Amino acid sequence: MARKQFTTTIDEEVQEKFKEKCSQNGEKMNDVLEAFMKSYINGDFVIEKEVKFSIKKVKK
């Protein structure tokens, strides 16, 4: 299978922690990301998004 370059943006702290964890486990980040992608495609997990709104009283 041909390899395709993949570029995206991500939260800096998440990227740093992910890179560190992959390094600790002796894994390449791209291999872990590809495994996540394949699992997502296969329906092994779903993403649930939660939106939260809050209202705060303003002092006048």
C-alpha atoms as a PDB file:
ATOM      1  CA  MET A   1       0.000   0.000   0.000  1.00  0.00           C
ATOM      2  CA  ALA A   2       1.258   3.450  -0.875  1.00  0.00           C
ATOM      3  CA  ARG A   3       2.017   5.889   1.933  1.00  0.00           C
ATOM      4  CA  LYS A   4       0.425   9.356   1.960  1.00  0.00           C
ATOM      5  CA  GLN A   5       1.689  12.357   3.919  1.00  0.00           C
ATOM      6  CA  PHE A   6      -0.854  13.718   6.405  1.00  0.00           C
ATOM      7  CA  THR A   7      -0.681  17.217   7.888  1.00  0.00           C
ATOM      8  CA  THR A   8      -3.116  18.752  10.357  1.00  0.00           C
ATOM      9  CA  THR A   9      -3.321  21.062  13.342  1.00  0.00           C
ATOM     10  CA  ILE A  10      -3.816  19.895  16.923  1.00  0.00           C
ATOM     11  CA  ASP A  11      -3.700  21.341  20.412  1.00  0.00           C
ATOM     12  CA  GLU A  12      -0.033  21.900  21.261  1.00  0.00           C
ATOM     13  CA  GLU A  13      -0.229  20.319  24.730  1.00  0.00           C
ATOM     14  CA  VAL A  14      -1.991  17.232  23.374  1.00  0.00           C
ATOM     15  CA  GLN A  15       0.677  16.831  20.687  1.00  0.00           C
ATOM     16  CA  GLU A  16       3.516  17.194  23.190  1.00  0.00           C
ATOM     17  CA  LYS A  17       2.013  14.639  25.600  1.00  0.00           C
ATOM     18  CA  PHE A  18       1.227  12.245  22.748  1.00  0.00           C
ATOM     19  CA  LYS A  19       4.769  12.506  21.427  1.00  0.00           C
ATOM     20  CA  GLU A  20       6.170  11.874  24.911  1.00  0.00           C
ATOM     21  CA  LYS A  21       3.910   8.851  25.502  1.00  0.00           C
ATOM     22  CA  CYS A  22       4.789   7.343  22.130  1.00  0.00           C
ATOM     23  CA  SER A  23       8.478   7.825  22.900  1.00  0.00           C
ATOM     24  CA  GLN A  24       8.095   6.171  26.312  1.00  0.00           C
ATOM     25  CA  ASN A  25       6.435   3.185  24.642  1.00  0.00           C
ATOM     26  CA  GLY A  26       8.965   2.997  21.812  1.00  0.00           C
ATOM     27  CA  GLU A  27       6.272   3.722  19.232  1.00  0.00           C
ATOM     28  CA  LYS A  28       6.272   6.068  16.243  1.00  0.00           C
ATOM     29  CA  MET A  29       3.521   8.680  16.408  1.00  0.00           C
ATOM     30  CA  ASN A  30       2.407   7.932  12.849  1.00  0.00           C
ATOM     31  CA  ASP A  31       2.044   4.205  13.635  1.00  0.00           C
ATOM     32  CA  VAL A  32      -0.151   4.936  16.660  1.00  0.00           C
ATOM     33  CA  LEU A  33      -2.248   7.455  14.725  1.00  0.00           C
ATOM     34  CA  GLU A  34      -2.720   4.985  11.885  1.00  0.00           C
ATOM     35  CA  ALA A  35      -3.844   2.310  14.365  1.00  0.00           C
ATOM     36  CA  PHE A  36      -6.368   4.759  15.851  1.00  0.00           C
ATOM     37  CA  MET A  37      -7.644   5.628  12.368  1.00  0.00           C
ATOM     38  CA  LYS A  38      -8.076   1.970  11.399  1.00  0.00           C
ATOM     39  CA  SER A  39      -9.903   1.230  14.656  1.00  0.00           C
ATOM     40  CA  TYR A  40     -12.198   4.211  14.073  1.00  0.00           C
ATOM     41  CA  ILE A  41     -12.927   3.096  10.502  1.00  0.00           C
ATOM     42  CA  ASN A  42     -13.694  -0.429  11.763  1.00  0.00           C
ATOM     43  CA  GLY A  43     -16.173   0.955  14.296  1.00  0.00           C
ATOM     44  CA  ASP A  44     -14.132  -0.129  17.323  1.00  0.00           C
ATOM     45  CA  PHE A  45     -14.918   3.194  18.987  1.00  0.00           C
ATOM     46  CA  VAL A  46     -16.959   6.342  18.402  1.00  0.00           C
ATOM     47  CA  ILE A  47     -16.334   9.955  19.267  1.00  0.00           C
ATOM     48  CA  GLU A  48     -18.872  11.690  21.481  1.00  0.00           C
ATOM     49  CA  LYS A  49     -18.702  15.460  21.570  1.00  0.00           C
ATOM     50  CA  GLU A  50     -20.097  17.480  24.450  1.00  0.00           C
ATOM     51  CA  VAL A  51     -20.905  21.157  24.235  1.00  0.00           C
ATOM     52  CA  LYS A  52     -21.256  23.113  27.453  1.00  0.00           C
ATOM     53  CA  PHE A  53     -22.597  26.613  27.853  1.00  0.00           C
ATOM     54  CA  SER A  54     -22.655  28.588  31.069  1.00  0.00           C
ATOM     55  CA  ILE A  55     -24.202  31.916  31.943  1.00  0.00           C
ATOM     56  CA  LYS A  56     -22.596  34.185  34.488  1.00  0.00           C
ATOM     57  CA  LYS A  57     -24.225  37.217  35.988  1.00  0.00           C
ATOM     58  CA  VAL A  58     -22.454  40.475  35.181  1.00  0.00           C
ATOM     59  CA  LYS A  59     -22.083  42.987  38.017  1.00  0.00           C
ATOM     60  CA  LYS A  60     -23.393  46.407  37.044  1.00  0.00           C
END
